[in-house]
PDB file of N, CA and C in Angstrom:
ATOM      1  N   MET A   1      29.815 244.990  36.290  1.00  0.00           N
ATOM      2  CA  MET A   1      30.729 244.163  35.509  1.00  0.00           C
ATOM      3  C   MET A   1      30.046 243.774  34.204  1.00  0.00           C
ATOM      4  N   GLU A   2      30.794 243.850  33.127  1.00  0.00           N
ATOM      5  CA  GLU A   2      30.270 243.532  31.810  1.00  0.00           C
ATOM      6  C   GLU A   2      30.212 242.019  31.601  1.00  0.00           C
ATOM      7  N   SER A   3      29.126 241.556  31.038  1.00  0.00           N
ATOM      8  CA  SER A   3      28.950 240.128  30.740  1.00  0.00           C
ATOM      9  C   SER A   3      29.621 239.810  29.409  1.00  0.00           C
ATOM     10  N   ILE A   4      30.340 238.702  29.379  1.00  0.00           N
ATOM     11  CA  ILE A   4      31.004 238.258  28.154  1.00  0.00           C
ATOM     12  C   ILE A   4      30.256 237.049  27.618  1.00  0.00           C
ATOM     13  N   THR A   5      29.842 237.121  26.369  1.00  0.00           N
ATOM     14  CA  THR A   5      29.118 236.023  25.743  1.00  0.00           C
ATOM     15  C   THR A   5      30.040 235.332  24.742  1.00  0.00           C
ATOM     16  N   PRO A   6      30.270 234.020  24.918  1.00  0.00           N
ATOM     17  CA  PRO A   6      31.119 233.296  23.962  1.00  0.00           C
ATOM     18  C   PRO A   6      30.482 233.263  22.570  1.00  0.00           C
ATOM     19  N   ASP A   7      31.307 233.270  21.565  1.00  0.00           N
ATOM     20  CA  ASP A   7      30.838 233.230  20.188  1.00  0.00           C
ATOM     21  C   ASP A   7      30.985 231.804  19.655  1.00  0.00           C
ATOM     22  N   PRO A   8      29.867 231.096  19.449  1.00  0.00           N
ATOM     23  CA  PRO A   8      29.958 229.708  18.975  1.00  0.00           C
ATOM     24  C   PRO A   8      30.554 229.574  17.578  1.00  0.00           C
ATOM     25  N   ARG A   9      30.594 230.664  16.811  1.00  0.00           N
ATOM     26  CA  ARG A   9      31.176 230.605  15.460  1.00  0.00           C
ATOM     27  C   ARG A   9      32.675 230.333  15.505  1.00  0.00           C
ATOM     28  N   ILE A  10      33.288 230.577  16.655  1.00  0.00           N
ATOM     29  CA  ILE A  10      34.732 230.335  16.769  1.00  0.00           C
ATOM     30  C   ILE A  10      35.045 228.860  16.553  1.00  0.00           C
ATOM     31  N   LEU A  11      34.144 227.977  16.969  1.00  0.00           N
ATOM     32  CA  LEU A  11      34.356 226.535  16.772  1.00  0.00           C
ATOM     33  C   LEU A  11      34.294 226.180  15.287  1.00  0.00           C
ATOM     34  N   ILE A  12      33.444 226.861  14.547  1.00  0.00           N
ATOM     35  CA  ILE A  12      33.382 226.641  13.095  1.00  0.00           C
ATOM     36  C   ILE A  12      34.675 227.140  12.452  1.00  0.00           C
ATOM     37  N   ASP A  13      35.177 228.268  12.927  1.00  0.00           N
ATOM     38  CA  ASP A  13      36.460 228.776  12.414  1.00  0.00           C
ATOM     39  C   ASP A  13      37.586 227.791  12.698  1.00  0.00           C
ATOM     40  N   ILE A  14      37.560 227.154  13.867  1.00  0.00           N
ATOM     41  CA  ILE A  14      38.610 226.198  14.251  1.00  0.00           C
ATOM     42  C   ILE A  14      38.656 225.006  13.298  1.00  0.00           C
ATOM     43  N   VAL A  15      37.505 224.545  12.841  1.00  0.00           N
ATOM     44  CA  VAL A  15      37.494 223.376  11.955  1.00  0.00           C
ATOM     45  C   VAL A  15      37.748 223.739  10.493  1.00  0.00           C
ATOM     46  N   ASN A  16      37.851 225.037  10.193  1.00  0.00           N
ATOM     47  CA  ASN A  16      38.085 225.474   8.816  1.00  0.00           C
ATOM     48  C   ASN A  16      39.367 226.276   8.623  1.00  0.00           C
ATOM     49  N   THR A  17      40.099 226.539   9.694  1.00  0.00           N
ATOM     50  CA  THR A  17      41.319 227.339   9.618  1.00  0.00           C
ATOM     51  C   THR A  17      42.535 226.432   9.670  1.00  0.00           C
ATOM     52  N   ARG A  18      43.482 226.711   8.792  1.00  0.00           N
ATOM     53  CA  ARG A  18      44.715 225.931   8.751  1.00  0.00           C
ATOM     54  C   ARG A  18      45.832 226.654   9.496  1.00  0.00           C
ATOM     55  N   MET A  19      46.712 225.876  10.091  1.00  0.00           N
ATOM     56  CA  MET A  19      47.860 226.423  10.806  1.00  0.00           C
ATOM     57  C   MET A  19      48.742 227.162   9.798  1.00  0.00           C
ATOM     58  N   PRO A  20      49.039 228.446  10.066  1.00  0.00           N
ATOM     59  CA  PRO A  20      49.770 229.227   9.071  1.00  0.00           C
ATOM     60  C   PRO A  20      51.295 229.104   9.119  1.00  0.00           C
ATOM     61  N   PHE A  21      51.841 228.391  10.096  1.00  0.00           N
ATOM     62  CA  PHE A  21      53.298 228.316  10.229  1.00  0.00           C
ATOM     63  C   PHE A  21      53.692 227.052  10.985  1.00  0.00           C
ATOM     64  N   GLY A  22      54.989 226.803  11.019  1.00  0.00           N
ATOM     65  CA  GLY A  22      55.540 225.734  11.846  1.00  0.00           C
ATOM     66  C   GLY A  22      55.487 224.351  11.236  1.00  0.00           C
ATOM     67  N   LYS A  23      55.784 223.390  12.080  1.00  0.00           N
ATOM     68  CA  LYS A  23      55.857 221.983  11.685  1.00  0.00           C
ATOM     69  C   LYS A  23      54.545 221.496  11.068  1.00  0.00           C
ATOM     70  N   TYR A  24      53.436 221.999  11.555  1.00  0.00           N
ATOM     71  CA  TYR A  24      52.123 221.554  11.089  1.00  0.00           C
ATOM     72  C   TYR A  24      51.431 222.588  10.193  1.00  0.00           C
ATOM     73  N   LYS A  25      52.235 223.361   9.455  1.00  0.00           N
ATOM     74  CA  LYS A  25      51.689 224.346   8.529  1.00  0.00           C
ATOM     75  C   LYS A  25      50.705 223.656   7.576  1.00  0.00           C
ATOM     76  N   ASN A  26      49.572 224.307   7.344  1.00  0.00           N
ATOM     77  CA  ASN A  26      48.482 223.838   6.474  1.00  0.00           C
ATOM     78  C   ASN A  26      47.622 222.735   7.079  1.00  0.00           C
ATOM     79  N   THR A  27      47.860 222.354   8.324  1.00  0.00           N
ATOM     80  CA  THR A  27      47.007 221.396   9.025  1.00  0.00           C
ATOM     81  C   THR A  27      45.850 222.159   9.654  1.00  0.00           C
ATOM     82  N   LEU A  28      44.643 221.617   9.545  1.00  0.00           N
ATOM     83  CA  LEU A  28      43.508 222.256  10.209  1.00  0.00           C
ATOM     84  C   LEU A  28      43.790 222.346  11.710  1.00  0.00           C
ATOM     85  N   LEU A  29      43.410 223.455  12.318  1.00  0.00           N
ATOM     86  CA  LEU A  29      43.662 223.634  13.754  1.00  0.00           C
ATOM     87  C   LEU A  29      43.049 222.494  14.567  1.00  0.00           C
ATOM     88  N   CYS A  30      41.884 222.027  14.166  1.00  0.00           N
ATOM     89  CA  CYS A  30      41.232 220.947  14.905  1.00  0.00           C
ATOM     90  C   CYS A  30      41.975 219.620  14.782  1.00  0.00           C
ATOM     91  N   ASP A  31      42.870 219.506  13.799  1.00  0.00           N
ATOM     92  CA  ASP A  31      43.626 218.272  13.587  1.00  0.00           C
ATOM     93  C   ASP A  31      45.036 218.313  14.176  1.00  0.00           C
ATOM     94  N   LEU A  32      45.398 219.420  14.809  1.00  0.00           N
ATOM     95  CA  LEU A  32      46.721 219.496  15.427  1.00  0.00           C
ATOM     96  C   LEU A  32      46.820 218.478  16.556  1.00  0.00           C
ATOM     97  N   PRO A  33      47.933 217.768  16.646  1.00  0.00           N
ATOM     98  CA  PRO A  33      48.081 216.795  17.733  1.00  0.00           C
ATOM     99  C   PRO A  33      48.224 217.505  19.082  1.00  0.00           C
ATOM    100  N   VAL A  34      47.677 216.871  20.104  1.00  0.00           N
ATOM    101  CA  VAL A  34      47.687 217.483  21.431  1.00  0.00           C
ATOM    102  C   VAL A  34      49.104 217.728  21.928  1.00  0.00           C
ATOM    103  N   TYR A  35      50.054 216.852  21.586  1.00  0.00           N
ATOM    104  CA  TYR A  35      51.420 217.052  22.071  1.00  0.00           C
ATOM    105  C   TYR A  35      52.024 218.331  21.493  1.00  0.00           C
ATOM    106  N   TYR A  36      51.638 218.689  20.266  1.00  0.00           N
ATOM    107  CA  TYR A  36      52.130 219.939  19.666  1.00  0.00           C
ATOM    108  C   TYR A  36      51.529 221.146  20.388  1.00  0.00           C
ATOM    109  N   LEU A  37      50.252 221.072  20.710  1.00  0.00           N
ATOM    110  CA  LEU A  37      49.596 222.149  21.462  1.00  0.00           C
ATOM    111  C   LEU A  37      50.195 222.272  22.858  1.00  0.00           C
ATOM    112  N   GLU A  38      50.492 221.137  23.484  1.00  0.00           N
ATOM    113  CA  GLU A  38      51.130 221.155  24.808  1.00  0.00           C
ATOM    114  C   GLU A  38      52.514 221.791  24.724  1.00  0.00           C
ATOM    115  N   TRP A  39      53.250 221.475  23.662  1.00  0.00           N
ATOM    116  CA  TRP A  39      54.573 222.056  23.467  1.00  0.00           C
ATOM    117  C   TRP A  39      54.474 223.571  23.312  1.00  0.00           C
ATOM    118  N   MET A  40      53.535 224.020  22.469  1.00  0.00           N
ATOM    119  CA  MET A  40      53.351 225.453  22.283  1.00  0.00           C
ATOM    120  C   MET A  40      52.981 226.133  23.601  1.00  0.00           C
ATOM    121  N   HIS A  41      52.099 225.512  24.343  1.00  0.00           N
ATOM    122  CA  HIS A  41      51.660 226.064  25.630  1.00  0.00           C
ATOM    123  C   HIS A  41      52.828 226.155  26.606  1.00  0.00           C
ATOM    124  N   SER A  42      53.689 225.167  26.617  1.00  0.00           N
ATOM    125  CA  SER A  42      54.825 225.145  27.544  1.00  0.00           C
ATOM    126  C   SER A  42      55.913 226.153  27.160  1.00  0.00           C
ATOM    127  N   ARG A  43      55.891 226.630  25.931  1.00  0.00           N
ATOM    128  CA  ARG A  43      56.895 227.589  25.456  1.00  0.00           C
ATOM    129  C   ARG A  43      56.463 229.035  25.701  1.00  0.00           C
ATOM    130  N   GLY A  44      55.548 229.246  26.598  1.00  0.00           N
ATOM    131  CA  GLY A  44      55.123 230.606  26.926  1.00  0.00           C
ATOM    132  C   GLY A  44      53.688 230.911  26.548  1.00  0.00           C
ATOM    133  N   GLY A  45      52.974 229.901  26.122  1.00  0.00           N
ATOM    134  CA  GLY A  45      51.568 230.108  25.784  1.00  0.00           C
ATOM    135  C   GLY A  45      51.362 230.436  24.320  1.00  0.00           C
ATOM    136  N   PHE A  46      50.151 230.782  24.016  1.00  0.00           N
ATOM    137  CA  PHE A  46      49.759 231.052  22.637  1.00  0.00           C
ATOM    138  C   PHE A  46      49.827 232.546  22.360  1.00  0.00           C
ATOM    139  N   GLN A  47      50.101 232.892  21.126  1.00  0.00           N
ATOM    140  CA  GLN A  47      50.242 234.290  20.737  1.00  0.00           C
ATOM    141  C   GLN A  47      48.932 235.047  20.943  1.00  0.00           C
ATOM    142  N   PRO A  48      49.014 236.357  21.099  1.00  0.00           N
ATOM    143  CA  PRO A  48      47.786 237.142  21.231  1.00  0.00           C
ATOM    144  C   PRO A  48      47.030 237.188  19.900  1.00  0.00           C
ATOM    145  N   GLY A  49      45.780 237.528  19.958  1.00  0.00           N
ATOM    146  CA  GLY A  49      44.966 237.643  18.752  1.00  0.00           C
ATOM    147  C   GLY A  49      44.079 236.433  18.538  1.00  0.00           C
ATOM    148  N   LYS A  50      43.389 236.448  17.417  1.00  0.00           N
ATOM    149  CA  LYS A  50      42.407 235.402  17.122  1.00  0.00           C
ATOM    150  C   LYS A  50      43.045 234.026  16.976  1.00  0.00           C
ATOM    151  N   LEU A  51      44.184 233.938  16.277  1.00  0.00           N
ATOM    152  CA  LEU A  51      44.832 232.636  16.104  1.00  0.00           C
ATOM    153  C   LEU A  51      45.219 232.049  17.462  1.00  0.00           C
ATOM    154  N   GLY A  52      45.798 232.853  18.318  1.00  0.00           N
ATOM    155  CA  GLY A  52      46.173 232.378  19.648  1.00  0.00           C
ATOM    156  C   GLY A  52      44.975 231.915  20.450  1.00  0.00           C
ATOM    157  N   MET A  53      43.869 232.645  20.334  1.00  0.00           N
ATOM    158  CA  MET A  53      42.648 232.267  21.043  1.00  0.00           C
ATOM    159  C   MET A  53      42.098 230.947  20.505  1.00  0.00           C
ATOM    160  N   MET A  54      42.166 230.764  19.173  1.00  0.00           N
ATOM    161  CA  MET A  54      41.685 229.511  18.597  1.00  0.00           C
ATOM    162  C   MET A  54      42.582 228.346  19.012  1.00  0.00           C
ATOM    163  N   LEU A  55      43.893 228.540  19.002  1.00  0.00           N
ATOM    164  CA  LEU A  55      44.814 227.482  19.438  1.00  0.00           C
ATOM    165  C   LEU A  55      44.586 227.144  20.906  1.00  0.00           C
ATOM    166  N   SER A  56      44.377 228.157  21.717  1.00  0.00           N
ATOM    167  CA  SER A  56      44.109 227.941  23.136  1.00  0.00           C
ATOM    168  C   SER A  56      42.814 227.153  23.336  1.00  0.00           C
ATOM    169  N   THR A  57      41.819 227.458  22.523  1.00  0.00           N
ATOM    170  CA  THR A  57      40.534 226.751  22.605  1.00  0.00           C
ATOM    171  C   THR A  57      40.701 225.287  22.229  1.00  0.00           C
ATOM    172  N   VAL A  58      41.433 225.022  21.147  1.00  0.00           N
ATOM    173  CA  VAL A  58      41.687 223.630  20.736  1.00  0.00           C
ATOM    174  C   VAL A  58      42.462 222.903  21.838  1.00  0.00           C
ATOM    175  N   PHE A  59      43.446 223.568  22.413  1.00  0.00           N
ATOM    176  CA  PHE A  59      44.238 222.996  23.514  1.00  0.00           C
ATOM    177  C   PHE A  59      43.317 222.595  24.676  1.00  0.00           C
ATOM    178  N   GLU A  60      42.440 223.493  25.090  1.00  0.00           N
ATOM    179  CA  GLU A  60      41.525 223.207  26.208  1.00  0.00           C
ATOM    180  C   GLU A  60      40.577 222.057  25.874  1.00  0.00           C
ATOM    181  N   ILE A  61      40.040 222.058  24.669  1.00  0.00           N
ATOM    182  CA  ILE A  61      39.108 221.002  24.255  1.00  0.00           C
ATOM    183  C   ILE A  61      39.809 219.644  24.267  1.00  0.00           C
ATOM    184  N   LYS A  62      40.996 219.594  23.668  1.00  0.00           N
ATOM    185  CA  LYS A  62      41.700 218.314  23.556  1.00  0.00           C
ATOM    186  C   LYS A  62      42.250 217.826  24.894  1.00  0.00           C
ATOM    187  N   THR A  63      42.778 218.710  25.713  1.00  0.00           N
ATOM    188  CA  THR A  63      43.338 218.263  26.992  1.00  0.00           C
ATOM    189  C   THR A  63      42.251 217.897  28.001  1.00  0.00           C
ATOM    190  N   ASN A  64      41.027 218.335  27.752  1.00  0.00           N
ATOM    191  CA  ASN A  64      39.918 217.971  28.636  1.00  0.00           C
ATOM    192  C   ASN A  64      39.102 216.801  28.093  1.00  0.00           C
ATOM    193  N   GLY A  65      39.574 216.211  26.994  1.00  0.00           N
ATOM    194  CA  GLY A  65      38.968 214.985  26.480  1.00  0.00           C
ATOM    195  C   GLY A  65      37.620 215.152  25.812  1.00  0.00           C
ATOM    196  N   VAL A  66      37.324 216.329  25.314  1.00  0.00           N
ATOM    197  CA  VAL A  66      36.037 216.532  24.642  1.00  0.00           C
ATOM    198  C   VAL A  66      36.223 216.846  23.153  1.00  0.00           C
ATOM    199  N   ASP A  67      37.274 216.265  22.568  1.00  0.00           N
ATOM    200  CA  ASP A  67      37.555 216.537  21.163  1.00  0.00           C
ATOM    201  C   ASP A  67      36.519 215.925  20.220  1.00  0.00           C
ATOM    202  N   LYS A  68      35.643 215.068  20.732  1.00  0.00           N
ATOM    203  CA  LYS A  68      34.543 214.562  19.904  1.00  0.00           C
ATOM    204  C   LYS A  68      33.683 215.729  19.429  1.00  0.00           C
ATOM    205  N   LEU A  69      33.626 216.772  20.223  1.00  0.00           N
ATOM    206  CA  LEU A  69      32.908 217.992  19.863  1.00  0.00           C
ATOM    207  C   LEU A  69      33.437 218.562  18.544  1.00  0.00           C
ATOM    208  N   LEU A  70      34.755 218.600  18.399  1.00  0.00           N
ATOM    209  CA  LEU A  70      35.353 219.127  17.173  1.00  0.00           C
ATOM    210  C   LEU A  70      35.056 218.235  15.970  1.00  0.00           C
ATOM    211  N   VAL A  71      35.030 216.930  16.188  1.00  0.00           N
ATOM    212  CA  VAL A  71      34.727 215.992  15.099  1.00  0.00           C
ATOM    213  C   VAL A  71      33.308 216.241  14.590  1.00  0.00           C
ATOM    214  N   GLU A  72      32.370 216.432  15.516  1.00  0.00           N
ATOM    215  CA  GLU A  72      30.975 216.672  15.125  1.00  0.00           C
ATOM    216  C   GLU A  72      30.825 217.995  14.380  1.00  0.00           C
ATOM    217  N   ILE A  73      31.495 219.024  14.860  1.00  0.00           N
ATOM    218  CA  ILE A  73      31.422 220.334  14.208  1.00  0.00           C
ATOM    219  C   ILE A  73      32.082 220.273  12.827  1.00  0.00           C
ATOM    220  N   LYS A  74      33.211 219.580  12.739  1.00  0.00           N
ATOM    221  CA  LYS A  74      33.908 219.444  11.453  1.00  0.00           C
ATOM    222  C   LYS A  74      33.032 218.701  10.444  1.00  0.00           C
ATOM    223  N   THR A  75      32.343 217.663  10.894  1.00  0.00           N
ATOM    224  CA  THR A  75      31.465 216.897  10.016  1.00  0.00           C
ATOM    225  C   THR A  75      30.317 217.761   9.497  1.00  0.00           C
ATOM    226  N   LYS A  76      29.759 218.577  10.376  1.00  0.00           N
ATOM    227  CA  LYS A  76      28.596 219.376  10.009  1.00  0.00           C
ATOM    228  C   LYS A  76      28.959 220.676   9.284  1.00  0.00           C
ATOM    229  N   TYR A  77      30.028 221.353   9.715  1.00  0.00           N
ATOM    230  CA  TYR A  77      30.327 222.697   9.207  1.00  0.00           C
ATOM    231  C   TYR A  77      31.663 222.816   8.471  1.00  0.00           C
ATOM    232  N   GLY A  78      32.446 221.758   8.455  1.00  0.00           N
ATOM    233  CA  GLY A  78      33.755 221.829   7.802  1.00  0.00           C
ATOM    234  C   GLY A  78      33.631 221.934   6.296  1.00  0.00           C
ATOM    235  N   ARG A  79      34.434 222.789   5.716  1.00  0.00           N
ATOM    236  CA  ARG A  79      34.401 222.925   4.263  1.00  0.00           C
ATOM    237  C   ARG A  79      35.638 222.335   3.620  1.00  0.00           C
ATOM    238  N   ASN A  80      36.550 221.851   4.446  1.00  0.00           N
ATOM    239  CA  ASN A  80      37.779 221.248   3.935  1.00  0.00           C
ATOM    240  C   ASN A  80      37.655 219.734   3.932  1.00  0.00           C
ATOM    241  N   THR A  81      38.409 219.101   3.094  1.00  0.00           N
ATOM    242  CA  THR A  81      38.398 217.639   3.027  1.00  0.00           C
ATOM    243  C   THR A  81      38.899 217.068   4.349  1.00  0.00           C
ATOM    244  N   PRO A  82      38.189 216.093   4.922  1.00  0.00           N
ATOM    245  CA  PRO A  82      38.644 215.500   6.185  1.00  0.00           C
ATOM    246  C   PRO A  82      40.013 214.882   6.046  1.00  0.00           C
ATOM    247  N   ARG A  83      40.807 215.038   7.067  1.00  0.00           N
ATOM    248  CA  ARG A  83      42.147 214.462   7.094  1.00  0.00           C
ATOM    249  C   ARG A  83      42.053 213.007   7.549  1.00  0.00           C
ATOM    250  N   LEU A  84      42.662 212.108   6.799  1.00  0.00           N
ATOM    251  CA  LEU A  84      42.598 210.687   7.148  1.00  0.00           C
ATOM    252  C   LEU A  84      43.882 210.237   7.773  1.00  0.00           C
TER     253      LEU A  84
END
């Protein structure tokens, strides 16, 4: 069986990528509200590809209560202005 190694750079991408569509267009993925992620998840899950994987990752982080991780990564590696 092949070993899969997670790529920690994906978390940096999450704090620097903006939502490309929908109600929260142009919002950083890390700043999406959990209820919106829950809604997307309940509508059949996240789309395939990198964006879907990043949204799924944010969903897991936020629903498991470890979103402080995203705040720390955004502070250290974010290149966008923090959302207030």
